[in-house]
PDB file of N, CA and C in Angstrom:
ATOM      1  N   ASP A   1      36.474  68.869  82.220  1.00  0.00           N
ATOM      2  CA  ASP A   1      35.861  67.969  81.354  1.00  0.00           C
ATOM      3  C   ASP A   1      34.717  67.150  82.102  1.00  0.00           C
ATOM      4  N   LEU A   2      33.680  66.888  81.474  1.00  0.00           N
ATOM      5  CA  LEU A   2      32.567  66.330  82.208  1.00  0.00           C
ATOM      6  C   LEU A   2      32.458  64.711  82.024  1.00  0.00           C
ATOM      7  N   LEU A   3      33.363  64.251  81.148  1.00  0.00           N
ATOM      8  CA  LEU A   3      33.235  62.813  80.819  1.00  0.00           C
ATOM      9  C   LEU A   3      33.600  61.862  81.983  1.00  0.00           C
ATOM     10  N   LEU A   4      34.711  62.236  82.504  1.00  0.00           N
ATOM     11  CA  LEU A   4      35.227  61.485  83.697  1.00  0.00           C
ATOM     12  C   LEU A   4      34.141  61.393  84.882  1.00  0.00           C
ATOM     13  N   PRO A   5      33.638  62.565  85.366  1.00  0.00           N
ATOM     14  CA  PRO A   5      32.587  62.425  86.336  1.00  0.00           C
ATOM     15  C   PRO A   5      31.393  61.614  85.930  1.00  0.00           C
ATOM     16  N   ALA A   6      30.928  61.764  84.744  1.00  0.00           N
ATOM     17  CA  ALA A   6      29.875  60.975  84.150  1.00  0.00           C
ATOM     18  C   ALA A   6      30.162  59.497  84.157  1.00  0.00           C
ATOM     19  N   LEU A   7      31.434  59.217  83.761  1.00  0.00           N
ATOM     20  CA  LEU A   7      31.810  57.812  83.753  1.00  0.00           C
ATOM     21  C   LEU A   7      31.737  57.152  85.165  1.00  0.00           C
ATOM     22  N   ILE A   8      32.322  57.934  86.099  1.00  0.00           N
ATOM     23  CA  ILE A   8      32.277  57.557  87.515  1.00  0.00           C
ATOM     24  C   ILE A   8      30.937  57.346  88.045  1.00  0.00           C
ATOM     25  N   ALA A   9      29.914  58.284  87.715  1.00  0.00           N
ATOM     26  CA  ALA A   9      28.619  57.959  88.181  1.00  0.00           C
ATOM     27  C   ALA A   9      28.055  56.833  87.554  1.00  0.00           C
ATOM     28  N   ILE A  10      28.139  56.640  86.243  1.00  0.00           N
ATOM     29  CA  ILE A  10      27.627  55.451  85.553  1.00  0.00           C
ATOM     30  C   ILE A  10      28.047  54.163  86.225  1.00  0.00           C
ATOM     31  N   MET A  11      29.408  54.086  86.360  1.00  0.00           N
ATOM     32  CA  MET A  11      29.902  52.869  86.960  1.00  0.00           C
ATOM     33  C   MET A  11      29.516  52.574  88.399  1.00  0.00           C
ATOM     34  N   ARG A  12      29.371  53.693  89.225  1.00  0.00           N
ATOM     35  CA  ARG A  12      28.923  53.541  90.542  1.00  0.00           C
ATOM     36  C   ARG A  12      27.375  53.048  90.589  1.00  0.00           C
ATOM     37  N   GLU A  13      26.571  53.706  89.745  1.00  0.00           N
ATOM     38  CA  GLU A  13      25.146  53.215  89.626  1.00  0.00           C
ATOM     39  C   GLU A  13      25.130  51.841  88.984  1.00  0.00           C
ATOM     40  N   ARG A  14      25.898  51.340  88.091  1.00  0.00           N
ATOM     41  CA  ARG A  14      25.905  50.000  87.618  1.00  0.00           C
ATOM     42  C   ARG A  14      26.298  49.012  88.847  1.00  0.00           C
ATOM     43  N   ARG A  15      27.318  49.366  89.553  1.00  0.00           N
ATOM     44  CA  ARG A  15      27.713  48.550  90.717  1.00  0.00           C
ATOM     45  C   ARG A  15      26.645  48.484  91.722  1.00  0.00           C
ATOM     46  N   GLU A  16      25.982  49.459  91.995  1.00  0.00           N
ATOM     47  CA  GLU A  16      24.828  49.452  92.917  1.00  0.00           C
ATOM     48  C   GLU A  16      23.669  48.720  92.298  1.00  0.00           C
ATOM     49  N   PHE A  17      23.314  48.867  90.941  1.00  0.00           N
ATOM     50  CA  PHE A  17      22.227  48.125  90.361  1.00  0.00           C
ATOM     51  C   PHE A  17      22.390  46.694  90.551  1.00  0.00           C
ATOM     52  N   LEU A  18      23.707  46.124  90.389  1.00  0.00           N
ATOM     53  CA  LEU A  18      24.057  44.784  90.520  1.00  0.00           C
ATOM     54  C   LEU A  18      24.311  44.360  92.077  1.00  0.00           C
ATOM     55  N   LYS A  19      24.091  45.260  92.877  1.00  0.00           N
ATOM     56  CA  LYS A  19      24.099  45.051  94.351  1.00  0.00           C
ATOM     57  C   LYS A  19      25.386  44.537  94.752  1.00  0.00           C
ATOM     58  N   LEU A  20      26.467  45.123  94.068  1.00  0.00           N
ATOM     59  CA  LEU A  20      27.912  44.801  94.501  1.00  0.00           C
ATOM     60  C   LEU A  20      28.594  45.961  95.235  1.00  0.00           C
ATOM     61  N   SER A  21      29.233  45.357  96.401  1.00  0.00           N
ATOM     62  CA  SER A  21      30.009  46.419  97.207  1.00  0.00           C
ATOM     63  C   SER A  21      31.239  46.661  96.298  1.00  0.00           C
ATOM     64  N   GLN A  22      32.110  47.551  96.784  1.00  0.00           N
ATOM     65  CA  GLN A  22      33.351  47.812  96.008  1.00  0.00           C
ATOM     66  C   GLN A  22      34.300  46.577  96.233  1.00  0.00           C
ATOM     67  N   ASN A  23      34.077  45.985  97.415  1.00  0.00           N
ATOM     68  CA  ASN A  23      34.943  44.686  97.569  1.00  0.00           C
ATOM     69  C   ASN A  23      34.548  43.560  96.588  1.00  0.00           C
ATOM     70  N   ASP A  24      33.226  43.534  96.302  1.00  0.00           N
ATOM     71  CA  ASP A  24      32.851  42.390  95.493  1.00  0.00           C
ATOM     72  C   ASP A  24      33.296  42.772  94.056  1.00  0.00           C
ATOM     73  N   LEU A  25      33.159  44.058  93.718  1.00  0.00           N
ATOM     74  CA  LEU A  25      33.572  44.506  92.244  1.00  0.00           C
ATOM     75  C   LEU A  25      35.031  44.145  92.199  1.00  0.00           C
ATOM     76  N   GLY A  26      35.811  44.615  93.196  1.00  0.00           N
ATOM     77  CA  GLY A  26      37.256  44.335  93.154  1.00  0.00           C
ATOM     78  C   GLY A  26      37.686  42.839  92.908  1.00  0.00           C
ATOM     79  N   MET A  27      36.843  42.005  93.671  1.00  0.00           N
ATOM     80  CA  MET A  27      37.208  40.611  93.395  1.00  0.00           C
ATOM     81  C   MET A  27      36.769  40.102  92.077  1.00  0.00           C
ATOM     82  N   ALA A  28      35.720  40.598  91.484  1.00  0.00           N
ATOM     83  CA  ALA A  28      35.208  40.185  90.185  1.00  0.00           C
ATOM     84  C   ALA A  28      36.128  40.779  89.201  1.00  0.00           C
ATOM     85  N   SER A  29      36.857  41.773  89.332  1.00  0.00           N
ATOM     86  CA  SER A  29      37.496  42.521  88.266  1.00  0.00           C
ATOM     87  C   SER A  29      39.182  42.321  88.493  1.00  0.00           C
ATOM     88  N   GLY A  30      39.535  41.730  89.735  1.00  0.00           N
ATOM     89  CA  GLY A  30      40.942  41.707  90.009  1.00  0.00           C
ATOM     90  C   GLY A  30      41.734  43.018  90.371  1.00  0.00           C
ATOM     91  N   ILE A  31      40.881  44.005  90.823  1.00  0.00           N
ATOM     92  CA  ILE A  31      41.370  45.411  91.112  1.00  0.00           C
ATOM     93  C   ILE A  31      41.062  45.539  92.556  1.00  0.00           C
ATOM     94  N   HIS A  32      41.967  46.138  93.382  1.00  0.00           N
ATOM     95  CA  HIS A  32      41.793  46.344  94.781  1.00  0.00           C
ATOM     96  C   HIS A  32      40.658  47.211  95.060  1.00  0.00           C
ATOM     97  N   ARG A  33      40.060  46.978  96.197  1.00  0.00           N
ATOM     98  CA  ARG A  33      38.792  47.724  96.578  1.00  0.00           C
ATOM     99  C   ARG A  33      39.138  49.291  96.714  1.00  0.00           C
ATOM    100  N   SER A  34      40.414  49.466  97.207  1.00  0.00           N
ATOM    101  CA  SER A  34      40.820  50.889  97.516  1.00  0.00           C
ATOM    102  C   SER A  34      40.914  51.740  96.123  1.00  0.00           C
ATOM    103  N   TYR A  35      41.412  51.036  95.206  1.00  0.00           N
ATOM    104  CA  TYR A  35      41.476  51.724  93.903  1.00  0.00           C
ATOM    105  C   TYR A  35      40.104  52.030  93.467  1.00  0.00           C
ATOM    106  N   ILE A  36      39.175  51.097  93.529  1.00  0.00           N
ATOM    107  CA  ILE A  36      37.713  51.551  93.224  1.00  0.00           C
ATOM    108  C   ILE A  36      37.195  52.618  93.909  1.00  0.00           C
ATOM    109  N   GLY A  37      37.502  52.575  95.198  1.00  0.00           N
ATOM    110  CA  GLY A  37      37.005  53.682  96.163  1.00  0.00           C
ATOM    111  C   GLY A  37      37.714  55.048  95.702  1.00  0.00           C
ATOM    112  N   ASP A  38      38.856  54.907  95.518  1.00  0.00           N
ATOM    113  CA  ASP A  38      39.731  56.350  95.000  1.00  0.00           C
ATOM    114  C   ASP A  38      39.075  56.764  93.686  1.00  0.00           C
ATOM    115  N   PHE A  39      38.725  55.818  92.745  1.00  0.00           N
ATOM    116  CA  PHE A  39      38.262  56.138  91.428  1.00  0.00           C
ATOM    117  C   PHE A  39      36.795  56.610  91.650  1.00  0.00           C
ATOM    118  N   GLU A  40      35.972  56.094  92.410  1.00  0.00           N
ATOM    119  CA  GLU A  40      34.564  56.552  92.597  1.00  0.00           C
ATOM    120  C   GLU A  40      34.574  57.909  93.253  1.00  0.00           C
ATOM    121  N   SER A  41      35.503  58.183  94.166  1.00  0.00           N
ATOM    122  CA  SER A  41      35.433  59.563  94.723  1.00  0.00           C
ATOM    123  C   SER A  41      36.382  60.557  94.012  1.00  0.00           C
ATOM    124  N   ALA A  42      36.722  60.292  92.766  1.00  0.00           N
ATOM    125  CA  ALA A  42      37.448  61.049  91.834  1.00  0.00           C
ATOM    126  C   ALA A  42      38.763  61.449  92.300  1.00  0.00           C
ATOM    127  N   LYS A  43      39.394  60.616  93.201  1.00  0.00           N
ATOM    128  CA  LYS A  43      40.841  60.841  93.589  1.00  0.00           C
ATOM    129  C   LYS A  43      41.841  60.185  92.591  1.00  0.00           C
ATOM    130  N   ARG A  44      41.302  59.409  91.801  1.00  0.00           N
ATOM    131  CA  ARG A  44      42.277  58.626  90.820  1.00  0.00           C
ATOM    132  C   ARG A  44      41.636  58.708  89.433  1.00  0.00           C
ATOM    133  N   ASN A  45      42.417  58.731  88.480  1.00  0.00           N
ATOM    134  CA  ASN A  45      42.071  58.456  87.078  1.00  0.00           C
ATOM    135  C   ASN A  45      42.032  56.975  86.802  1.00  0.00           C
ATOM    136  N   ILE A  46      41.381  56.662  85.631  1.00  0.00           N
ATOM    137  CA  ILE A  46      41.382  55.290  85.126  1.00  0.00           C
ATOM    138  C   ILE A  46      42.085  55.073  83.938  1.00  0.00           C
ATOM    139  N   SER A  47      42.760  53.883  83.910  1.00  0.00           N
ATOM    140  CA  SER A  47      43.400  53.554  82.617  1.00  0.00           C
ATOM    141  C   SER A  47      42.427  52.813  81.672  1.00  0.00           C
ATOM    142  N   VAL A  48      42.687  52.667  80.472  1.00  0.00           N
ATOM    143  CA  VAL A  48      41.839  51.929  79.693  1.00  0.00           C
ATOM    144  C   VAL A  48      42.001  50.344  80.014  1.00  0.00           C
ATOM    145  N   LYS A  49      42.966  49.970  80.508  1.00  0.00           N
ATOM    146  CA  LYS A  49      43.113  48.483  81.073  1.00  0.00           C
ATOM    147  C   LYS A  49      42.229  48.301  82.186  1.00  0.00           C
ATOM    148  N   ASN A  50      42.208  49.178  83.189  1.00  0.00           N
ATOM    149  CA  ASN A  50      41.481  49.020  84.302  1.00  0.00           C
ATOM    150  C   ASN A  50      39.854  49.339  84.020  1.00  0.00           C
ATOM    151  N   LEU A  51      39.672  50.164  83.078  1.00  0.00           N
ATOM    152  CA  LEU A  51      38.313  50.371  82.747  1.00  0.00           C
ATOM    153  C   LEU A  51      37.690  49.052  82.033  1.00  0.00           C
ATOM    154  N   SER A  52      38.407  48.272  81.277  1.00  0.00           N
ATOM    155  CA  SER A  52      38.145  47.180  80.619  1.00  0.00           C
ATOM    156  C   SER A  52      37.882  45.959  81.825  1.00  0.00           C
ATOM    157  N   ARG A  53      38.852  45.971  82.730  1.00  0.00           N
ATOM    158  CA  ARG A  53      38.705  45.046  83.862  1.00  0.00           C
ATOM    159  C   ARG A  53      37.489  45.178  84.811  1.00  0.00           C
ATOM    160  N   LEU A  54      37.205  46.584  85.089  1.00  0.00           N
ATOM    161  CA  LEU A  54      36.009  46.989  85.877  1.00  0.00           C
ATOM    162  C   LEU A  54      34.708  46.664  84.924  1.00  0.00           C
ATOM    163  N   ALA A  55      34.829  46.940  83.657  1.00  0.00           N
ATOM    164  CA  ALA A  55      33.674  46.467  82.916  1.00  0.00           C
ATOM    165  C   ALA A  55      33.238  45.099  83.035  1.00  0.00           C
ATOM    166  N   VAL A  56      34.304  44.159  83.007  1.00  0.00           N
ATOM    167  CA  VAL A  56      34.015  42.780  83.116  1.00  0.00           C
ATOM    168  C   VAL A  56      33.306  42.582  84.439  1.00  0.00           C
ATOM    169  N   GLY A  57      33.833  43.022  85.583  1.00  0.00           N
ATOM    170  CA  GLY A  57      33.129  42.915  86.861  1.00  0.00           C
ATOM    171  C   GLY A  57      31.770  43.530  86.988  1.00  0.00           C
ATOM    172  N   LEU A  58      31.442  44.434  86.021  1.00  0.00           N
ATOM    173  CA  LEU A  58      30.060  45.013  86.019  1.00  0.00           C
ATOM    174  C   LEU A  58      29.304  44.440  85.012  1.00  0.00           C
ATOM    175  N   GLU A  59      29.768  43.319  84.409  1.00  0.00           N
ATOM    176  CA  GLU A  59      29.043  42.447  83.491  1.00  0.00           C
ATOM    177  C   GLU A  59      28.635  43.292  82.254  1.00  0.00           C
ATOM    178  N   THR A  60      29.491  44.132  81.772  1.00  0.00           N
ATOM    179  CA  THR A  60      29.221  44.910  80.476  1.00  0.00           C
ATOM    180  C   THR A  60      30.593  45.183  79.811  1.00  0.00           C
ATOM    181  N   THR A  61      30.629  46.153  78.999  1.00  0.00           N
ATOM    182  CA  THR A  61      31.836  46.333  78.215  1.00  0.00           C
ATOM    183  C   THR A  61      32.108  47.873  78.381  1.00  0.00           C
ATOM    184  N   SER A  62      33.363  48.084  78.174  1.00  0.00           N
ATOM    185  CA  SER A  62      33.986  49.388  78.509  1.00  0.00           C
ATOM    186  C   SER A  62      33.301  50.377  77.391  1.00  0.00           C
ATOM    187  N   SER A  63      32.962  49.978  76.087  1.00  0.00           N
ATOM    188  CA  SER A  63      32.426  50.663  75.119  1.00  0.00           C
ATOM    189  C   SER A  63      30.956  51.098  75.595  1.00  0.00           C
ATOM    190  N   LYS A  64      30.281  50.297  76.219  1.00  0.00           N
ATOM    191  CA  LYS A  64      28.876  50.697  76.711  1.00  0.00           C
ATOM    192  C   LYS A  64      28.962  51.502  77.868  1.00  0.00           C
ATOM    193  N   LEU A  65      29.888  51.461  78.751  1.00  0.00           N
ATOM    194  CA  LEU A  65      30.029  52.338  79.940  1.00  0.00           C
ATOM    195  C   LEU A  65      30.375  53.765  79.286  1.00  0.00           C
ATOM    196  N   LEU A  66      31.340  53.808  78.382  1.00  0.00           N
ATOM    197  CA  LEU A  66      31.708  55.130  77.821  1.00  0.00           C
ATOM    198  C   LEU A  66      30.596  55.713  76.954  1.00  0.00           C
ATOM    199  N   ARG A  67      29.813  54.947  76.363  1.00  0.00           N
ATOM    200  CA  ARG A  67      28.686  55.404  75.619  1.00  0.00           C
ATOM    201  C   ARG A  67      27.495  56.061  76.475  1.00  0.00           C
ATOM    202  N   MET A  68      27.411  55.350  77.519  1.00  0.00           N
ATOM    203  CA  MET A  68      26.392  55.866  78.535  1.00  0.00           C
ATOM    204  C   MET A  68      26.843  57.180  79.188  1.00  0.00           C
ATOM    205  N   ALA A  69      28.100  57.194  79.451  1.00  0.00           N
ATOM    206  CA  ALA A  69      28.713  58.388  80.092  1.00  0.00           C
ATOM    207  C   ALA A  69      28.668  59.616  79.228  1.00  0.00           C
ATOM    208  N   GLU A  70      28.873  59.289  77.801  1.00  0.00           N
ATOM    209  CA  GLU A  70      28.772  60.413  76.667  1.00  0.00           C
ATOM    210  C   GLU A  70      27.246  60.897  76.693  1.00  0.00           C
ATOM    211  N   GLN A  71      26.342  59.908  76.826  1.00  0.00           N
ATOM    212  CA  GLN A  71      24.918  60.394  76.836  1.00  0.00           C
ATOM    213  C   GLN A  71      24.586  61.135  78.023  1.00  0.00           C
ATOM    214  N   ARG A  72      25.129  60.807  79.178  1.00  0.00           N
ATOM    215  CA  ARG A  72      24.928  61.670  80.354  1.00  0.00           C
ATOM    216  C   ARG A  72      25.469  62.977  80.200  1.00  0.00           C
ATOM    217  N   VAL A  73      26.497  63.173  79.588  1.00  0.00           N
ATOM    218  CA  VAL A  73      27.257  64.535  79.371  1.00  0.00           C
ATOM    219  C   VAL A  73      26.302  65.371  78.403  1.00  0.00           C
ATOM    220  N   ALA A  74      25.758  64.675  77.362  1.00  0.00           N
ATOM    221  CA  ALA A  74      24.987  65.287  76.485  1.00  0.00           C
ATOM    222  C   ALA A  74      23.670  65.734  76.970  1.00  0.00           C
ATOM    223  N   ASP A  75      23.143  64.949  77.884  1.00  0.00           N
ATOM    224  CA  ASP A  75      21.786  65.249  78.374  1.00  0.00           C
ATOM    225  C   ASP A  75      21.684  64.763  79.849  1.00  0.00           C
ATOM    226  N   PRO A  76      22.141  65.574  80.767  1.00  0.00           N
ATOM    227  CA  PRO A  76      22.375  65.258  82.108  1.00  0.00           C
ATOM    228  C   PRO A  76      20.942  64.769  82.750  1.00  0.00           C
ATOM    229  N   SER A  77      19.882  65.325  82.356  1.00  0.00           N
ATOM    230  CA  SER A  77      18.595  64.936  83.025  1.00  0.00           C
ATOM    231  C   SER A  77      17.998  63.702  82.261  1.00  0.00           C
ATOM    232  N   ALA A  78      18.553  63.078  81.231  1.00  0.00           N
ATOM    233  CA  ALA A  78      18.154  61.743  80.840  1.00  0.00           C
ATOM    234  C   ALA A  78      18.197  60.677  81.657  1.00  0.00           C
ATOM    235  N   LYS A  79      17.221  59.723  81.654  1.00  0.00           N
ATOM    236  CA  LYS A  79      17.251  58.573  82.577  1.00  0.00           C
ATOM    237  C   LYS A  79      18.071  57.574  81.709  1.00  0.00           C
ATOM    238  N   ILE A  80      18.957  56.906  82.429  1.00  0.00           N
ATOM    239  CA  ILE A  80      19.696  55.859  81.824  1.00  0.00           C
ATOM    240  C   ILE A  80      19.356  54.562  82.598  1.00  0.00           C
ATOM    241  N   SER A  81      18.928  53.560  81.687  1.00  0.00           N
ATOM    242  CA  SER A  81      18.729  52.152  82.334  1.00  0.00           C
ATOM    243  C   SER A  81      19.956  51.400  82.514  1.00  0.00           C
ATOM    244  N   MET A  82      20.202  51.099  83.832  1.00  0.00           N
ATOM    245  CA  MET A  82      21.326  50.265  83.978  1.00  0.00           C
ATOM    246  C   MET A  82      21.268  48.868  83.412  1.00  0.00           C
ATOM    247  N   ALA A  83      20.051  48.386  83.167  1.00  0.00           N
ATOM    248  CA  ALA A  83      19.865  47.188  82.502  1.00  0.00           C
ATOM    249  C   ALA A  83      20.365  47.161  81.057  1.00  0.00           C
ATOM    250  N   ALA A  84      20.385  48.386  80.457  1.00  0.00           N
ATOM    251  CA  ALA A  84      20.779  48.559  79.015  1.00  0.00           C
ATOM    252  C   ALA A  84      22.209  48.183  78.945  1.00  0.00           C
ATOM    253  N   LEU A  85      23.098  48.251  80.091  1.00  0.00           N
ATOM    254  CA  LEU A  85      24.332  47.847  80.121  1.00  0.00           C
ATOM    255  C   LEU A  85      24.679  46.269  80.093  1.00  0.00           C
ATOM    256  N   ASP A  86      23.665  45.458  80.300  1.00  0.00           N
ATOM    257  CA  ASP A  86      23.872  44.095  80.370  1.00  0.00           C
ATOM    258  C   ASP A  86      24.682  43.590  79.209  1.00  0.00           C
ATOM    259  N   ASN A  87      25.539  42.563  79.406  1.00  0.00           N
ATOM    260  CA  ASN A  87      26.244  41.940  78.162  1.00  0.00           C
ATOM    261  C   ASN A  87      25.209  40.951  77.741  1.00  0.00           C
ATOM    262  N   LYS A  88      24.929  41.063  76.417  1.00  0.00           N
ATOM    263  CA  LYS A  88      24.165  40.078  75.866  1.00  0.00           C
ATOM    264  C   LYS A  88      24.823  39.532  74.529  1.00  0.00           C
TER     265      LYS A  88
END
């Protein structure tokens, strides 16, 4: 399945766009840095609850993250604006 790797990439790109370390994101979301590291390296799956918590830390919504990941799967060469994930 290509959705999980796409979601991992989108979330990492968003974290880097916001200039957050894994530790910063962990503090903002209430999730330990090691969990984020394991998720970003595809060693761990993510629950809906943790996706929602990480989305808050990434200043977006879980639905926007999933939508962007689905777009990445549909067209891997498409440019995705991290600013489009901003909570408005």
